[in-house]
Amino acid sequence: MTRSTSIQPGLLTVQDSFFGMQPGEIAGLAAAVIVCLTVGWISDAYPASLPVWAPWEFSWTQFLAAILALGWYARGVALLPADERPSLWRQGAFLLGLASLYTVLLTHFLYMAQHMFFLNRLQHLVMHHFGPVMIALAWPGKPLLRGMPAPLRRLVQSPAADRVVRIIQQPILAGALFVGLIYLWLIPAVHFRAMIDPQLYTVMNWSMVIDGVLFWCLVLDPRPSPPARASFAMRMIVTVLVMFPQILLGATVTFTNTVLYPYYDLCGRLFPSVPALLDQHIGGVILWIPSAMMSSVAFMLTLNSVRRHEEQMVELETDPAAREMALLARSWTGR
């Protein structure tokens, strides 16, 4: 359906295109679908000929999500005025976060994580911590919204969507979900079922990524409250509180002398020379130390946001022009 300047009452308005999307947005979606079709066909037809960075097990949802996120972000950065574009380091953080998620979810690393427990823990560390932290540091909301199709942008910015996110990002609930999902997927019976059931395995991975992005975007929001959903103090408290349950769980897995996750023996270990208990202990250390370190890093970054906010307040008190510009750019602080 194309634009039309002669329209009948009750039909399309002059600005409408296909589902309210502009030609460039339609072309972008079509290109993403074509790329997915092509990569999916190549993955099925010539799996042995693909490079290591190509999809190991092609997933429409995950590959399309990665392609669209990259395309919308690039388009949004290009369309934003120069003074509103994120800095190069923020753009780099977004690309690094997206690339790390792609690596652990779609490349040959996926196979490796299905055959060694410690590599599975490394995969979850990237899905739930490192990748989402990089994306949160990029603070990509403005470029993504600017780059995505208008109908989807209206949906994302709708009051209903905002209410759902506000509920999920209530600090205490967000912290409980963050820790609860880690514990849930490491219950031995649940973990075993998730690893042998492709649908549940996909749910596990999606839940870790989505929860990680929502949690770290709450914690690493560079803005004060309001408009941020929680104060700097509350965010630092939550960051510290989620650290201790992870340490406890990691230490428990590390020092347990019983094999908790027999799936990796049944499916065949990638490294047969690594016994089950050693594999489990290494996985426990990954769950224990790097996870706690990410919380410590997030705490320091939030503390730095407090410092920057206080410096801005001092500047606003002494510079009326800076105060006016801050009011105009309230939704975006720092480049």
Protein backbone atom coordinates (compact mmCIF):
# COMPACT_ATOMS: atom_id res chain seq x y z
CA MET A 1 0.00 0.00 0.00
CA THR A 2 1.54 3.33 -1.01
CA ARG A 3 0.93 6.95 -0.10
CA SER A 4 -2.04 8.67 -1.67
CA THR A 5 -3.05 12.33 -1.74
CA SER A 6 -6.64 11.54 -2.80
CA ILE A 7 -8.26 9.53 -0.08
CA GLN A 8 -11.80 8.82 0.97
CA PRO A 9 -13.10 9.66 4.45
CA GLY A 10 -12.51 6.88 6.93
CA LEU A 11 -9.64 5.37 4.93
CA LEU A 12 -5.91 6.05 5.14
CA THR A 13 -4.55 9.48 6.01
CA VAL A 14 -2.05 11.10 3.69
CA GLN A 15 0.87 10.17 5.95
CA ASP A 16 -0.01 6.48 6.10
CA SER A 17 1.92 3.79 4.31
CA PHE A 18 1.93 0.02 4.83
CA PHE A 19 0.89 -0.45 8.48
CA GLY A 20 1.91 3.16 9.05
CA MET A 21 5.53 2.53 8.04
CA GLN A 22 7.52 4.68 5.65
CA PRO A 23 9.13 3.18 2.49
CA GLY A 24 12.59 3.21 4.08
CA GLU A 25 11.33 1.34 7.13
CA ILE A 26 9.61 -1.26 4.94
CA ALA A 27 12.79 -1.71 2.92
CA GLY A 28 14.81 -2.18 6.11
CA LEU A 29 12.50 -4.89 7.42
CA ALA A 30 12.47 -6.62 4.03
CA ALA A 31 16.28 -6.56 3.93
CA ALA A 32 16.47 -8.08 7.42
CA VAL A 33 14.09 -10.88 6.45
CA ILE A 34 16.06 -11.57 3.25
CA VAL A 35 19.31 -11.76 5.25
CA CYS A 36 17.68 -14.19 7.68
CA LEU A 37 16.35 -16.35 4.86
CA THR A 38 19.75 -16.42 3.18
CA VAL A 39 21.76 -17.17 6.32
CA GLY A 40 19.22 -19.76 7.45
CA TRP A 41 19.38 -21.56 4.10
CA ILE A 42 23.18 -21.51 4.04
CA SER A 43 23.31 -22.80 7.63
CA ASP A 44 21.07 -25.75 6.70
CA ALA A 45 22.65 -26.51 3.33
CA TYR A 46 26.35 -25.97 4.02
CA PRO A 47 26.93 -26.18 7.79
CA ALA A 48 30.48 -27.54 7.50
CA SER A 49 31.57 -24.69 5.21
CA LEU A 50 30.57 -21.85 7.50
CA PRO A 51 33.16 -19.79 9.42
CA VAL A 52 33.29 -19.90 13.21
CA TRP A 53 31.35 -16.65 13.55
CA ALA A 54 28.40 -17.95 11.52
CA PRO A 55 25.33 -19.38 13.29
CA TRP A 56 25.87 -22.88 14.70
CA GLU A 57 22.17 -23.60 15.16
CA PHE A 58 20.24 -21.00 13.22
CA SER A 59 17.50 -19.31 15.28
CA TRP A 60 15.09 -17.02 13.49
CA THR A 61 14.16 -15.09 16.61
CA GLN A 62 17.69 -14.55 17.88
CA PHE A 63 19.28 -13.78 14.51
CA LEU A 64 16.47 -11.43 13.47
CA ALA A 65 16.62 -9.67 16.84
CA ALA A 66 20.37 -9.10 16.42
CA ILE A 67 20.00 -7.85 12.83
CA LEU A 68 17.12 -5.50 13.66
CA ALA A 69 18.81 -4.13 16.79
CA LEU A 70 21.97 -3.39 14.81
CA GLY A 71 20.08 -1.87 11.88
CA TRP A 72 17.75 0.25 14.01
CA TYR A 73 20.62 1.52 16.13
CA ALA A 74 22.72 2.47 13.08
CA ARG A 75 19.72 4.15 11.43
CA GLY A 76 18.84 6.00 14.63
CA VAL A 77 22.40 7.30 15.09
CA ALA A 78 22.42 8.51 11.48
CA LEU A 79 19.05 10.28 11.81
CA LEU A 80 19.73 12.00 15.12
CA PRO A 81 21.10 15.54 15.04
CA ALA A 82 24.85 15.66 15.56
CA ASP A 83 24.56 17.16 19.05
CA GLU A 84 22.18 14.38 20.16
CA ARG A 85 24.15 11.41 18.89
CA PRO A 86 25.79 9.12 21.45
CA SER A 87 29.54 9.45 21.74
CA LEU A 88 31.84 6.99 19.99
CA TRP A 89 32.56 5.13 23.22
CA ARG A 90 28.83 4.60 23.81
CA GLN A 91 28.37 3.38 20.25
CA GLY A 92 31.31 1.02 20.78
CA ALA A 93 29.79 -0.25 24.04
CA PHE A 94 26.54 -1.08 22.25
CA LEU A 95 28.31 -2.92 19.44
CA LEU A 96 30.46 -4.84 21.95
CA GLY A 97 27.42 -5.84 23.99
CA LEU A 98 25.46 -6.96 20.93
CA ALA A 99 28.47 -8.83 19.51
CA SER A 100 29.08 -10.65 22.81
CA LEU A 101 25.44 -11.81 22.95
CA TYR A 102 25.61 -12.94 19.32
CA THR A 103 28.81 -14.88 20.06
CA VAL A 104 27.46 -16.91 22.97
CA LEU A 105 23.99 -17.50 21.49
CA LEU A 106 24.55 -18.12 17.78
CA THR A 107 28.15 -19.08 16.99
CA HIS A 108 30.00 -22.37 17.62
CA PHE A 109 30.31 -21.28 21.25
CA LEU A 110 26.69 -22.36 21.65
CA TYR A 111 27.69 -25.98 21.00
CA MET A 112 30.59 -25.69 23.43
CA ALA A 113 28.33 -24.30 26.16
CA GLN A 114 26.03 -27.29 25.71
CA HIS A 115 28.85 -29.73 26.41
CA MET A 116 30.76 -28.24 29.36
CA PHE A 117 29.23 -26.82 32.52
CA PHE A 118 31.89 -24.14 33.02
CA LEU A 119 31.38 -22.91 29.45
CA ASN A 120 27.64 -22.84 30.11
CA ARG A 121 28.32 -20.62 33.12
CA LEU A 122 30.51 -18.40 30.95
CA GLN A 123 27.68 -18.19 28.42
CA HIS A 124 25.22 -17.11 31.12
CA LEU A 125 27.72 -14.61 32.52
CA VAL A 126 27.78 -12.91 29.12
CA MET A 127 23.99 -13.20 28.60
CA HIS A 128 23.02 -11.89 32.04
CA HIS A 129 25.92 -9.64 32.97
CA PHE A 130 28.58 -8.56 30.48
CA GLY A 131 26.46 -8.11 27.33
CA PRO A 132 23.57 -6.31 29.09
CA VAL A 133 26.03 -4.13 31.06
CA MET A 134 27.66 -2.97 27.81
CA ILE A 135 24.25 -2.26 26.28
CA ALA A 136 23.14 -0.36 29.39
CA LEU A 137 26.34 1.70 29.35
CA ALA A 138 25.61 2.61 25.73
CA TRP A 139 22.20 3.95 26.87
CA PRO A 140 20.83 3.14 23.40
CA GLY A 141 17.15 3.96 23.91
CA LYS A 142 17.12 7.20 21.96
CA PRO A 143 18.92 5.88 18.83
CA LEU A 144 16.89 2.64 18.86
CA LEU A 145 13.58 4.48 19.13
CA ARG A 146 14.60 6.89 16.39
CA GLY A 147 15.64 4.05 14.09
CA MET A 148 12.74 1.61 14.54
CA PRO A 149 9.51 1.81 12.52
CA ALA A 150 6.98 4.35 13.77
CA PRO A 151 4.25 1.78 14.67
CA LEU A 152 6.68 -0.18 16.84
CA ARG A 153 7.98 3.01 18.38
CA ARG A 154 4.44 4.00 19.36
CA LEU A 155 3.91 0.55 20.86
CA VAL A 156 7.13 0.71 22.89
CA GLN A 157 6.25 4.20 24.14
CA SER A 158 2.63 3.35 24.91
CA PRO A 159 1.32 3.78 28.49
CA ALA A 160 0.65 0.04 28.77
CA ALA A 161 4.26 -0.86 27.87
CA ASP A 162 5.55 1.81 30.24
CA ARG A 163 3.47 0.40 33.10
CA VAL A 164 4.82 -3.12 32.52
CA VAL A 165 8.42 -1.91 32.49
CA ARG A 166 7.85 0.23 35.58
CA ILE A 167 6.57 -2.81 37.47
CA ILE A 168 9.48 -5.01 36.38
CA GLN A 169 12.00 -2.26 37.14
CA GLN A 170 10.83 -1.59 40.67
CA PRO A 171 14.20 -1.91 42.44
CA ILE A 172 13.34 -4.69 44.90
CA LEU A 173 11.40 -6.71 42.35
CA ALA A 174 14.10 -6.18 39.73
CA GLY A 175 16.76 -7.45 42.14
CA ALA A 176 14.63 -10.46 43.14
CA LEU A 177 14.03 -11.38 39.49
CA PHE A 178 17.71 -10.92 38.67
CA VAL A 179 18.86 -13.33 41.39
CA GLY A 180 15.81 -15.59 41.14
CA LEU A 181 16.38 -16.44 37.49
CA ILE A 182 19.99 -17.42 38.21
CA TYR A 183 18.84 -19.76 40.98
CA LEU A 184 15.91 -21.10 38.96
CA TRP A 185 17.93 -22.26 35.98
CA LEU A 186 20.57 -23.81 38.26
CA ILE A 187 18.14 -26.04 40.16
CA PRO A 188 19.57 -29.42 39.01
CA ALA A 189 16.24 -30.86 37.79
CA VAL A 190 15.27 -27.61 36.03
CA HIS A 191 18.72 -27.24 34.47
CA PHE A 192 18.64 -30.81 33.16
CA ARG A 193 15.21 -30.31 31.61
CA ALA A 194 16.18 -26.99 30.05
CA MET A 195 19.28 -28.49 28.45
CA ILE A 196 17.40 -31.38 26.80
CA ASP A 197 14.27 -29.44 25.79
CA PRO A 198 14.96 -27.03 22.86
CA GLN A 199 11.91 -24.87 23.60
CA LEU A 200 12.72 -24.53 27.30
CA TYR A 201 16.38 -23.92 26.42
CA THR A 202 15.30 -21.00 24.24
CA VAL A 203 13.07 -19.65 27.03
CA MET A 204 15.99 -19.87 29.45
CA ASN A 205 18.31 -17.91 27.16
CA TRP A 206 15.75 -15.23 26.29
CA SER A 207 14.80 -14.77 29.95
CA MET A 208 18.42 -14.25 30.95
CA VAL A 209 19.12 -11.68 28.24
CA ILE A 210 15.89 -9.69 28.68
CA ASP A 211 16.14 -9.66 32.47
CA GLY A 212 19.81 -8.68 32.29
CA VAL A 213 19.12 -5.74 29.97
CA LEU A 214 16.19 -4.49 32.09
CA PHE A 215 18.11 -4.82 35.37
CA TRP A 216 21.34 -3.18 34.25
CA CYS A 217 19.48 -0.39 32.41
CA LEU A 218 17.76 0.35 35.73
CA VAL A 219 21.03 0.32 37.69
CA LEU A 220 23.22 2.14 35.15
CA ASP A 221 20.74 4.85 34.17
CA PRO A 222 22.96 7.98 34.02
CA ARG A 223 20.07 10.26 35.03
CA PRO A 224 18.91 11.26 38.52
CA SER A 225 15.43 10.38 39.77
CA PRO A 226 13.23 11.66 38.23
CA PRO A 227 13.27 10.87 35.32
CA ALA A 228 15.18 7.71 36.30
CA ARG A 229 13.00 5.02 37.92
CA ALA A 230 15.07 4.87 41.14
CA SER A 231 17.42 7.11 43.07
CA PHE A 232 21.17 6.65 42.87
CA ALA A 233 21.21 5.43 46.49
CA MET A 234 18.53 2.78 45.87
CA ARG A 235 20.33 1.55 42.76
CA MET A 236 23.61 1.18 44.64
CA ILE A 237 21.84 -0.70 47.43
CA VAL A 238 20.21 -3.12 44.97
CA THR A 239 23.54 -3.65 43.20
CA VAL A 240 25.16 -4.67 46.49
CA LEU A 241 22.23 -6.83 47.61
CA VAL A 242 22.20 -8.99 44.45
CA MET A 243 25.90 -9.69 44.88
CA PHE A 244 25.67 -11.83 48.03
CA PRO A 245 23.17 -14.47 46.79
CA GLN A 246 25.37 -14.96 43.73
CA ILE A 247 28.44 -15.41 45.92
CA LEU A 248 26.58 -17.92 48.10
CA LEU A 249 25.36 -19.92 45.10
CA GLY A 250 28.77 -19.84 43.42
CA ALA A 251 30.52 -20.99 46.59
CA THR A 252 27.99 -23.79 47.07
CA VAL A 253 28.53 -25.12 43.54
CA THR A 254 32.30 -24.70 43.89
CA PHE A 255 32.70 -26.63 47.14
CA THR A 256 30.07 -29.32 46.60
CA ASN A 257 31.64 -32.74 46.11
CA THR A 258 28.54 -34.23 44.49
CA VAL A 259 27.87 -33.98 40.76
CA LEU A 260 24.84 -31.71 40.51
CA TYR A 261 24.55 -31.54 36.75
CA PRO A 262 24.82 -35.02 35.17
CA TYR A 263 23.54 -33.75 31.81
CA TYR A 264 27.09 -32.97 30.70
CA ASP A 265 28.17 -36.57 31.26
CA LEU A 266 25.18 -37.90 29.34
CA CYS A 267 25.61 -35.61 26.34
CA GLY A 268 29.38 -36.09 26.14
CA ARG A 269 31.91 -33.60 27.44
CA LEU A 270 33.76 -31.37 25.01
CA PHE A 271 36.95 -31.93 27.01
CA PRO A 272 36.88 -35.56 28.26
CA SER A 273 40.06 -34.98 30.27
CA VAL A 274 38.17 -32.55 32.55
CA PRO A 275 36.26 -34.63 35.13
CA ALA A 276 32.73 -33.76 36.14
CA LEU A 277 33.58 -32.32 39.55
CA LEU A 278 36.39 -30.16 38.21
CA ASP A 279 34.10 -28.88 35.48
CA GLN A 280 31.47 -28.09 38.11
CA HIS A 281 33.97 -26.39 40.42
CA ILE A 282 35.29 -24.16 37.63
CA GLY A 283 31.71 -23.26 36.74
CA GLY A 284 31.05 -22.38 40.37
CA VAL A 285 34.06 -20.05 40.44
CA ILE A 286 32.77 -18.30 37.29
CA LEU A 287 29.38 -17.94 38.96
CA TRP A 288 31.01 -16.71 42.16
CA ILE A 289 33.79 -14.24 41.30
CA PRO A 290 33.10 -12.57 37.91
CA SER A 291 29.42 -12.10 38.75
CA ALA A 292 30.29 -10.35 42.00
CA MET A 293 32.90 -8.27 40.19
CA MET A 294 30.27 -7.05 37.70
CA SER A 295 28.16 -5.84 40.64
CA SER A 296 31.19 -4.04 42.06
CA VAL A 297 31.88 -2.39 38.70
CA ALA A 298 28.22 -1.33 38.42
CA PHE A 299 28.39 0.14 41.93
CA MET A 300 31.43 2.24 40.98
CA LEU A 301 29.80 3.38 37.73
CA THR A 302 26.68 4.46 39.62
CA LEU A 303 28.86 6.31 42.11
CA ASN A 304 30.51 8.07 39.17
CA SER A 305 27.06 9.07 37.89
CA VAL A 306 26.39 10.63 41.32
CA ARG A 307 29.63 12.61 41.01
CA ARG A 308 28.76 13.82 37.52
CA HIS A 309 25.26 14.81 38.63
CA GLU A 310 26.63 16.83 41.55
CA GLU A 311 29.07 18.60 39.23
CA GLN A 312 26.19 19.43 36.87
CA MET A 313 24.15 20.82 39.77
CA VAL A 314 27.01 23.13 40.74
CA GLU A 315 27.33 24.26 37.14
CA LEU A 316 23.58 24.90 36.84
CA GLU A 317 23.60 27.04 39.97
CA THR A 318 26.26 29.33 38.51
CA ASP A 319 25.33 29.32 34.80
CA PRO A 320 21.74 30.22 33.75
CA ALA A 321 22.43 29.24 30.12
CA ALA A 322 23.55 25.77 31.20
CA ARG A 323 20.39 25.45 33.32
CA GLU A 324 18.20 26.17 30.30
CA MET A 325 20.05 23.64 28.13
CA ALA A 326 19.76 20.99 30.86
CA LEU A 327 15.99 21.43 30.95
CA LEU A 328 15.81 21.00 27.18
CA ALA A 329 17.94 17.82 27.29
CA ARG A 330 16.52 16.29 30.49
CA SER A 331 16.06 12.87 28.87
CA TRP A 332 19.72 12.54 27.95
CA THR A 333 22.60 13.19 30.35
CA GLY A 334 26.16 12.66 29.31
CA ARG A 335 27.72 11.68 26.03
